[in-house]
Amino acid sequence: MTRKVFWDEPYQTALDTIVSQVDGEQVQVEATIFFAFSGGQESDCGSLAGYPVIKAEKLGLEIVYTLPHDHSLSVGDCVTWRIDWERRYRLMRLHFAAEMVLQLVYRLRPGIERIGAHIAQDKARIDFASDVSLAPLFPEIESAAADLTARDLAILTDFSDVQTQRRYWKVDGFAMMACGGTHPKSTHEIGAVKLKRKNTGRGKERIEVILVG
């Protein structure tokens, strides 16, 4: 099984590993720092042995990477990962910013249902099933998020189930949530956030989360 170094070392931008499987354009490796789309968080960008990664896909507990058709990698090759750090760090910060917002919405609207989420490099979004606008909550949510970042609280991550590779994050005094994404080490790294409302259809509310700076 591929060792997912991005969980324990989310700040690592390069890694030496060994090719474990090759099936045409699809390659697997013994260890990786290249996150594959999961839980709404987009995949990293980067290269393996100098070849750009075209696609990263989770297949069960494995990750399969698609490389250009003319790559020359073989099983047993020693190769190096390199990822786009600027993109990774934005995704990490936006991911946790969105999860702070989600937990704060849950507190202010008990019982509300999240029906979707997406974390991109420019912004994150969370979709809720709601017949009323969530915009009146924004000032309180933004204020609470600013307080959390100012307090510089540790973001702890670990396995809830090692065998199935289920993960969680925890901030003491705030919340705990199942999540297999990448996260910063502290709330201070998130910085200021701004919220924007979008109505995407009857009974649906979308909150867009944007980093300020």
Foldseek 3Di string as FASTA:
>chain_A
DEAEVCAVCVQDFKDKWFWADDDQQKTFTNYDNWDADDPQQHTWWWDKQPFTFPHWDDDQPGIITGTPRPDDDDGGDIIMIGTDNLQSLLQQLQVVLVVLLVLVVCVVPPPWDWDDKHGGNFWIKTKTQAQDAPVVCFVVSQVVLQVQLVVFFFWDKDAPDVVSRWMWIDTPPRDIGTDDGHHDGTSVSNAGWHWDWDDPDHRMIMIMIGGDD
